[in-house]
N, C-alpha and C. Protein backbone atom coordinates (compact mmCIF):
# COMPACT_ATOMS: atom_id res chain seq x y z
N THR A 1 0.20 90.39 -56.53
CA THR A 1 1.41 91.11 -56.82
C THR A 1 1.06 92.36 -57.59
N ARG A 2 1.82 93.40 -57.38
CA ARG A 2 1.53 94.69 -57.99
C ARG A 2 2.86 95.33 -58.40
N VAL A 3 2.89 95.97 -59.58
CA VAL A 3 4.05 96.70 -60.06
C VAL A 3 3.69 98.17 -60.09
N LEU A 4 4.56 99.00 -59.51
CA LEU A 4 4.34 100.44 -59.53
C LEU A 4 5.27 101.06 -60.56
N GLU A 5 4.70 101.86 -61.46
CA GLU A 5 5.48 102.56 -62.49
C GLU A 5 5.56 104.01 -62.08
N VAL A 6 6.79 104.49 -61.88
CA VAL A 6 6.99 105.87 -61.48
C VAL A 6 7.63 106.59 -62.66
N GLY A 7 7.02 107.68 -63.09
CA GLY A 7 7.59 108.45 -64.19
C GLY A 7 6.64 109.53 -64.65
N GLY A 8 7.19 110.55 -65.24
CA GLY A 8 6.37 111.63 -65.75
C GLY A 8 5.61 112.37 -64.66
N GLY A 9 6.12 112.37 -63.47
CA GLY A 9 5.49 113.07 -62.37
C GLY A 9 4.28 112.36 -61.79
N ARG A 10 4.13 111.08 -62.08
CA ARG A 10 2.98 110.34 -61.54
C ARG A 10 3.37 108.89 -61.25
N VAL A 11 2.50 108.19 -60.54
CA VAL A 11 2.70 106.78 -60.18
C VAL A 11 1.49 106.01 -60.67
N GLU A 12 1.77 104.90 -61.40
CA GLU A 12 0.67 104.05 -61.88
C GLU A 12 0.84 102.67 -61.27
N SER A 13 -0.24 102.05 -60.88
CA SER A 13 -0.23 100.73 -60.29
C SER A 13 -0.72 99.72 -61.32
N HIS A 14 0.02 98.61 -61.46
CA HIS A 14 -0.34 97.55 -62.40
C HIS A 14 -0.44 96.24 -61.63
N ILE A 15 -1.52 95.52 -61.84
CA ILE A 15 -1.73 94.24 -61.18
C ILE A 15 -0.95 93.17 -61.92
N GLY A 16 -0.27 92.29 -61.19
CA GLY A 16 0.50 91.19 -61.77
C GLY A 16 1.99 91.38 -61.52
N ASN A 17 2.76 90.45 -62.06
CA ASN A 17 4.21 90.54 -61.87
C ASN A 17 4.84 91.41 -62.98
N TYR A 18 6.15 91.49 -62.99
CA TYR A 18 6.84 92.37 -63.94
C TYR A 18 6.62 91.91 -65.37
N GLY A 19 6.61 90.60 -65.61
CA GLY A 19 6.34 90.08 -66.95
C GLY A 19 4.96 90.50 -67.44
N ASP A 20 3.96 90.44 -66.55
CA ASP A 20 2.61 90.90 -66.90
C ASP A 20 2.63 92.39 -67.22
N PHE A 21 3.37 93.15 -66.44
CA PHE A 21 3.49 94.59 -66.66
C PHE A 21 4.08 94.87 -68.05
N LEU A 22 5.17 94.17 -68.42
CA LEU A 22 5.78 94.38 -69.73
C LEU A 22 4.84 94.02 -70.87
N ARG A 23 4.11 92.90 -70.72
CA ARG A 23 3.17 92.50 -71.77
C ARG A 23 2.05 93.55 -71.92
N ALA A 24 1.58 94.07 -70.83
CA ALA A 24 0.52 95.09 -70.88
C ALA A 24 1.04 96.36 -71.55
N LYS A 25 2.26 96.75 -71.23
CA LYS A 25 2.83 97.95 -71.85
C LYS A 25 3.05 97.74 -73.34
N GLU A 26 3.54 96.56 -73.72
CA GLU A 26 3.74 96.27 -75.15
C GLU A 26 2.41 96.23 -75.89
N PHE A 27 1.39 95.74 -75.24
CA PHE A 27 0.04 95.70 -75.84
C PHE A 27 -0.46 97.12 -76.12
N LEU A 28 -0.07 98.04 -75.24
CA LEU A 28 -0.46 99.45 -75.42
C LEU A 28 0.48 100.19 -76.37
N GLY A 29 1.52 99.46 -76.88
CA GLY A 29 2.45 100.07 -77.83
C GLY A 29 3.67 100.70 -77.20
N ASP A 30 3.88 100.53 -75.92
CA ASP A 30 5.04 101.09 -75.23
C ASP A 30 6.04 99.97 -74.95
N SER A 31 7.12 99.94 -75.74
CA SER A 31 8.12 98.89 -75.54
C SER A 31 9.38 99.46 -74.89
N SER A 32 9.33 100.68 -74.39
CA SER A 32 10.52 101.31 -73.80
C SER A 32 11.00 100.57 -72.56
N HIS A 33 10.09 100.00 -71.81
CA HIS A 33 10.49 99.28 -70.59
C HIS A 33 11.26 98.02 -70.93
N SER A 34 10.83 97.30 -71.94
CA SER A 34 11.50 96.04 -72.26
C SER A 34 12.89 96.29 -72.84
N LYS A 35 13.12 97.45 -73.45
CA LYS A 35 14.45 97.76 -73.99
C LYS A 35 15.43 98.13 -72.89
N ASN A 36 14.92 98.59 -71.77
CA ASN A 36 15.77 99.01 -70.66
C ASN A 36 15.96 97.92 -69.62
N ARG A 37 15.53 96.73 -69.90
CA ARG A 37 15.65 95.65 -68.93
C ARG A 37 17.10 95.32 -68.65
N VAL A 38 17.35 94.87 -67.46
CA VAL A 38 18.70 94.54 -67.02
C VAL A 38 19.33 93.50 -67.94
N GLU A 39 18.55 92.54 -68.41
CA GLU A 39 19.09 91.49 -69.27
C GLU A 39 19.68 92.07 -70.55
N HIS A 40 19.05 93.11 -71.08
CA HIS A 40 19.54 93.73 -72.30
C HIS A 40 20.78 94.57 -72.04
N LEU A 41 20.83 95.21 -70.90
CA LEU A 41 21.93 96.10 -70.59
C LEU A 41 23.15 95.36 -70.07
N SER A 42 22.98 94.15 -69.56
CA SER A 42 24.10 93.43 -68.95
C SER A 42 24.78 92.46 -69.89
N GLY A 43 24.37 92.40 -71.14
CA GLY A 43 25.10 91.56 -72.08
C GLY A 43 24.34 90.39 -72.61
N LYS A 44 23.06 90.25 -72.29
CA LYS A 44 22.27 89.16 -72.85
C LYS A 44 21.21 89.74 -73.77
N VAL A 45 20.96 89.06 -74.86
CA VAL A 45 19.90 89.47 -75.76
C VAL A 45 18.75 88.50 -75.60
N ASP A 46 17.65 88.74 -76.31
CA ASP A 46 16.44 87.95 -76.12
C ASP A 46 16.67 86.44 -76.26
N ASN A 47 17.54 86.02 -77.18
CA ASN A 47 17.73 84.59 -77.40
C ASN A 47 18.75 83.97 -76.43
N GLY A 48 19.27 84.76 -75.51
CA GLY A 48 20.17 84.23 -74.49
C GLY A 48 21.61 84.08 -74.93
N THR A 49 21.98 84.53 -76.13
CA THR A 49 23.36 84.42 -76.58
C THR A 49 24.16 85.59 -76.05
N PRO A 50 25.44 85.39 -75.72
CA PRO A 50 26.26 86.46 -75.18
C PRO A 50 26.54 87.54 -76.23
N THR A 51 26.69 88.75 -75.76
CA THR A 51 27.03 89.85 -76.67
C THR A 51 28.54 89.86 -76.89
N GLU A 52 28.99 90.78 -77.74
CA GLU A 52 30.42 90.88 -78.05
C GLU A 52 31.24 91.20 -76.81
N ASP A 53 30.69 92.03 -75.90
CA ASP A 53 31.40 92.38 -74.68
C ASP A 53 31.65 91.14 -73.83
N LYS A 54 30.65 90.31 -73.70
CA LYS A 54 30.81 89.10 -72.91
C LYS A 54 31.79 88.14 -73.59
N GLN A 55 31.72 88.06 -74.91
CA GLN A 55 32.66 87.22 -75.65
C GLN A 55 34.09 87.71 -75.42
N ALA A 56 34.28 89.04 -75.42
CA ALA A 56 35.61 89.60 -75.19
C ALA A 56 36.10 89.26 -73.78
N ARG A 57 35.21 89.32 -72.80
CA ARG A 57 35.59 88.96 -71.42
C ARG A 57 35.95 87.48 -71.33
N ILE A 58 35.19 86.65 -72.01
CA ILE A 58 35.47 85.20 -72.00
C ILE A 58 36.82 84.94 -72.65
N GLN A 59 37.10 85.61 -73.77
CA GLN A 59 38.38 85.44 -74.46
C GLN A 59 39.53 85.93 -73.58
N ALA A 60 39.36 87.09 -72.94
CA ALA A 60 40.40 87.62 -72.07
C ALA A 60 40.67 86.68 -70.90
N HIS A 61 39.60 86.10 -70.36
CA HIS A 61 39.75 85.14 -69.26
C HIS A 61 40.53 83.91 -69.72
N ALA A 62 40.20 83.42 -70.90
CA ALA A 62 40.90 82.25 -71.44
C ALA A 62 42.38 82.56 -71.66
N GLU A 63 42.68 83.76 -72.14
CA GLU A 63 44.07 84.14 -72.36
C GLU A 63 44.83 84.25 -71.04
N ARG A 64 44.16 84.81 -70.02
CA ARG A 64 44.81 84.90 -68.70
C ARG A 64 45.09 83.51 -68.14
N LYS A 65 44.14 82.61 -68.29
CA LYS A 65 44.33 81.23 -67.80
C LYS A 65 45.48 80.55 -68.53
N GLU A 66 45.58 80.77 -69.84
CA GLU A 66 46.66 80.17 -70.63
C GLU A 66 48.01 80.74 -70.19
N GLN A 67 48.08 82.04 -69.97
CA GLN A 67 49.32 82.65 -69.50
C GLN A 67 49.70 82.11 -68.13
N GLN A 68 48.72 81.95 -67.28
CA GLN A 68 48.97 81.40 -65.94
C GLN A 68 49.48 79.96 -66.04
N ARG A 69 48.89 79.18 -66.93
CA ARG A 69 49.31 77.79 -67.11
C ARG A 69 50.76 77.73 -67.60
N ARG A 70 51.08 78.59 -68.59
CA ARG A 70 52.45 78.62 -69.11
C ARG A 70 53.45 79.06 -68.04
N LYS A 71 53.05 80.04 -67.21
CA LYS A 71 53.93 80.51 -66.15
C LYS A 71 54.20 79.40 -65.14
N GLN A 72 53.15 78.68 -64.76
CA GLN A 72 53.32 77.58 -63.80
C GLN A 72 54.20 76.49 -64.39
N GLN A 73 54.02 76.21 -65.67
CA GLN A 73 54.83 75.18 -66.33
C GLN A 73 56.29 75.63 -66.37
N ARG A 74 56.54 76.91 -66.69
CA ARG A 74 57.91 77.44 -66.75
C ARG A 74 58.55 77.38 -65.36
N GLU A 75 57.77 77.72 -64.31
CA GLU A 75 58.31 77.68 -62.95
C GLU A 75 58.64 76.25 -62.53
N LYS A 76 57.83 75.31 -62.97
CA LYS A 76 58.10 73.90 -62.66
C LYS A 76 59.39 73.44 -63.33
N ILE A 77 59.57 73.80 -64.59
CA ILE A 77 60.79 73.43 -65.32
C ILE A 77 61.99 74.13 -64.70
N LEU A 78 61.81 75.38 -64.30
CA LEU A 78 62.90 76.13 -63.66
C LEU A 78 63.33 75.46 -62.36
N ALA A 79 62.39 75.06 -61.54
CA ALA A 79 62.72 74.39 -60.28
C ALA A 79 63.45 73.07 -60.54
N LYS A 80 62.98 72.32 -61.54
CA LYS A 80 63.64 71.05 -61.89
C LYS A 80 65.07 71.31 -62.37
N THR A 81 65.25 72.34 -63.17
CA THR A 81 66.58 72.69 -63.68
C THR A 81 67.51 73.07 -62.53
N GLU A 82 67.00 73.82 -61.57
CA GLU A 82 67.83 74.22 -60.43
C GLU A 82 68.26 73.00 -59.61
N VAL A 83 67.36 72.03 -59.46
CA VAL A 83 67.71 70.80 -58.73
C VAL A 83 68.80 70.04 -59.48
N GLU A 84 68.66 69.96 -60.80
CA GLU A 84 69.67 69.26 -61.61
C GLU A 84 71.01 69.98 -61.55
N ILE A 85 71.00 71.30 -61.58
CA ILE A 85 72.24 72.07 -61.48
C ILE A 85 72.93 71.79 -60.15
N GLU A 86 72.16 71.80 -59.08
CA GLU A 86 72.73 71.54 -57.76
C GLU A 86 73.36 70.14 -57.69
N SER A 87 72.67 69.18 -58.26
CA SER A 87 73.18 67.81 -58.26
C SER A 87 74.49 67.71 -59.04
N LEU A 88 74.53 68.31 -60.23
CA LEU A 88 75.76 68.27 -61.03
C LEU A 88 76.90 69.02 -60.35
N GLU A 89 76.59 70.12 -59.70
CA GLU A 89 77.63 70.87 -58.99
C GLU A 89 78.23 70.03 -57.87
N GLN A 90 77.40 69.26 -57.16
CA GLN A 90 77.90 68.39 -56.10
C GLN A 90 78.78 67.28 -56.68
N LYS A 91 78.34 66.70 -57.79
CA LYS A 91 79.14 65.63 -58.43
C LYS A 91 80.47 66.19 -58.92
N LEU A 92 80.44 67.39 -59.49
CA LEU A 92 81.69 68.02 -59.94
C LEU A 92 82.62 68.29 -58.77
N SER A 93 82.06 68.69 -57.67
CA SER A 93 82.87 68.96 -56.48
C SER A 93 83.58 67.70 -56.01
N VAL A 94 82.87 66.58 -56.03
CA VAL A 94 83.48 65.31 -55.62
C VAL A 94 84.60 64.94 -56.59
N LEU A 95 84.34 65.09 -57.89
CA LEU A 95 85.37 64.77 -58.88
C LEU A 95 86.59 65.68 -58.74
N GLU A 96 86.36 66.96 -58.46
CA GLU A 96 87.47 67.90 -58.31
C GLU A 96 88.29 67.57 -57.07
N GLN A 97 87.64 67.07 -56.02
CA GLN A 97 88.38 66.64 -54.84
C GLN A 97 89.24 65.42 -55.17
N GLN A 98 88.68 64.51 -55.99
CA GLN A 98 89.45 63.34 -56.40
C GLN A 98 90.61 63.76 -57.29
N MET A 99 90.37 64.75 -58.15
CA MET A 99 91.44 65.22 -59.05
C MET A 99 92.54 65.93 -58.27
N ALA A 100 92.22 66.50 -57.12
CA ALA A 100 93.21 67.19 -56.30
C ALA A 100 94.05 66.21 -55.47
N ASP A 101 93.59 65.00 -55.39
CA ASP A 101 94.32 63.99 -54.63
C ASP A 101 95.50 63.47 -55.46
N PRO A 102 96.72 63.57 -54.93
CA PRO A 102 97.90 63.10 -55.67
C PRO A 102 97.84 61.60 -56.00
N GLU A 103 97.14 60.84 -55.20
CA GLU A 103 97.02 59.40 -55.44
C GLU A 103 96.34 59.11 -56.77
N THR A 104 95.43 60.01 -57.20
CA THR A 104 94.67 59.82 -58.44
C THR A 104 95.62 59.76 -59.63
N TYR A 105 96.69 60.54 -59.59
CA TYR A 105 97.60 60.60 -60.72
C TYR A 105 98.48 59.35 -60.84
N GLN A 106 98.53 58.56 -59.80
CA GLN A 106 99.33 57.33 -59.85
C GLN A 106 98.67 56.28 -60.75
N ASP A 107 97.32 56.33 -60.82
CA ASP A 107 96.57 55.36 -61.65
C ASP A 107 96.07 56.11 -62.89
N GLN A 108 96.75 55.87 -64.03
CA GLN A 108 96.42 56.59 -65.26
C GLN A 108 95.00 56.32 -65.74
N ASP A 109 94.53 55.07 -65.63
CA ASP A 109 93.16 54.76 -66.06
C ASP A 109 92.13 55.50 -65.20
N LEU A 110 92.36 55.54 -63.90
CA LEU A 110 91.46 56.26 -63.00
C LEU A 110 91.46 57.75 -63.34
N TRP A 111 92.67 58.30 -63.58
CA TRP A 111 92.77 59.72 -63.94
C TRP A 111 91.98 60.02 -65.22
N ARG A 112 92.13 59.18 -66.25
CA ARG A 112 91.41 59.39 -67.51
C ARG A 112 89.89 59.33 -67.29
N GLN A 113 89.46 58.36 -66.48
CA GLN A 113 88.03 58.20 -66.22
C GLN A 113 87.47 59.43 -65.48
N ILE A 114 88.17 59.86 -64.45
CA ILE A 114 87.73 61.02 -63.68
C ILE A 114 87.74 62.28 -64.55
N SER A 115 88.77 62.42 -65.35
CA SER A 115 88.89 63.59 -66.23
C SER A 115 87.76 63.61 -67.27
N ALA A 116 87.45 62.45 -67.84
CA ALA A 116 86.36 62.36 -68.83
C ALA A 116 85.01 62.65 -68.17
N ASP A 117 84.81 62.09 -66.98
CA ASP A 117 83.57 62.35 -66.26
C ASP A 117 83.43 63.84 -65.93
N HIS A 118 84.54 64.43 -65.52
CA HIS A 118 84.53 65.85 -65.18
C HIS A 118 84.16 66.70 -66.41
N ALA A 119 84.73 66.41 -67.54
CA ALA A 119 84.44 67.16 -68.78
C ALA A 119 82.98 66.98 -69.19
N ARG A 120 82.49 65.74 -69.08
CA ARG A 120 81.10 65.46 -69.45
C ARG A 120 80.13 66.21 -68.54
N LEU A 121 80.40 66.16 -67.22
CA LEU A 121 79.54 66.86 -66.28
C LEU A 121 79.60 68.38 -66.45
N LYS A 122 80.80 68.88 -66.75
CA LYS A 122 80.97 70.32 -66.95
C LYS A 122 80.16 70.78 -68.16
N ASP A 123 80.17 70.00 -69.25
CA ASP A 123 79.39 70.35 -70.45
C ASP A 123 77.89 70.31 -70.14
N ALA A 124 77.46 69.28 -69.41
CA ALA A 124 76.05 69.18 -69.05
C ALA A 124 75.64 70.35 -68.15
N LEU A 125 76.52 70.74 -67.24
CA LEU A 125 76.24 71.86 -66.34
C LEU A 125 76.15 73.17 -67.13
N ASP A 126 77.02 73.35 -68.11
CA ASP A 126 76.96 74.55 -68.94
C ASP A 126 75.63 74.63 -69.70
N GLU A 127 75.16 73.49 -70.19
CA GLU A 127 73.87 73.46 -70.89
C GLU A 127 72.72 73.81 -69.93
N LEU A 128 72.80 73.29 -68.71
CA LEU A 128 71.76 73.60 -67.72
C LEU A 128 71.78 75.07 -67.33
N TYR A 129 72.99 75.64 -67.21
CA TYR A 129 73.08 77.07 -66.91
C TYR A 129 72.43 77.90 -68.02
N ALA A 130 72.67 77.52 -69.27
CA ALA A 130 72.07 78.24 -70.41
C ALA A 130 70.54 78.10 -70.37
N GLN A 131 70.07 76.90 -70.08
CA GLN A 131 68.62 76.67 -69.99
C GLN A 131 68.03 77.50 -68.84
N TRP A 132 68.72 77.53 -67.71
CA TRP A 132 68.25 78.28 -66.54
C TRP A 132 68.16 79.78 -66.88
N GLU A 133 69.20 80.31 -67.54
CA GLU A 133 69.21 81.72 -67.92
C GLU A 133 68.06 82.05 -68.85
N GLU A 134 67.80 81.17 -69.79
CA GLU A 134 66.70 81.37 -70.74
C GLU A 134 65.34 81.40 -70.00
N LEU A 135 65.17 80.47 -69.07
CA LEU A 135 63.93 80.43 -68.29
C LEU A 135 63.80 81.70 -67.41
N GLN A 136 64.89 82.17 -66.86
CA GLN A 136 64.87 83.40 -66.06
C GLN A 136 64.51 84.60 -66.92
N ASP A 137 65.04 84.65 -68.15
CA ASP A 137 64.74 85.77 -69.05
C ASP A 137 63.28 85.78 -69.43
N ASP A 138 62.67 84.60 -69.59
CA ASP A 138 61.26 84.50 -69.97
C ASP A 138 60.36 84.96 -68.83
N ALA A 139 60.84 84.80 -67.61
CA ALA A 139 60.03 85.18 -66.45
C ALA A 139 59.99 86.67 -66.37
C-alpha cells in the first residue's frame, strides 16, 4: 500500500497505509495532517466522544421525536373524542324523537326519565365539545 501526499507543488510517495503515513509525519514533527482528518472535522475527537454540535443534533432529534409523540397522542385523543361526540349526538337524537312523541307525555315517569337522560347527555356533549375545541386549538 502506498499513500501519495500532494502539496507545495510536489508529490511525495509514502509506503504503508494512511495510519503509517500519519505516524511518520508526526515523527518528523508535522501534525497538520492529523488535525485535518475527517474524524476531527465531522464531530468526533480522539477519545470518540461527540462534540457539542453532535450533542445539539441529538438533543434536537429527541425534541422532534417528543413533539411527534405528543402530536400522535393528541390526534388519538381527538379521534376518540369525535367518536364519543357522534355517539352522544345519536343518543340525543333518539331521545329527542321520543320527546317529540305525544305518547311520551302520557306517562309522567317516562317523561321525567327521558328528560333527565336528555339533560345528562346534553351536559356530557357540551363537555366533549369543549374538549374537542381545546384539542383543535392545540393542533
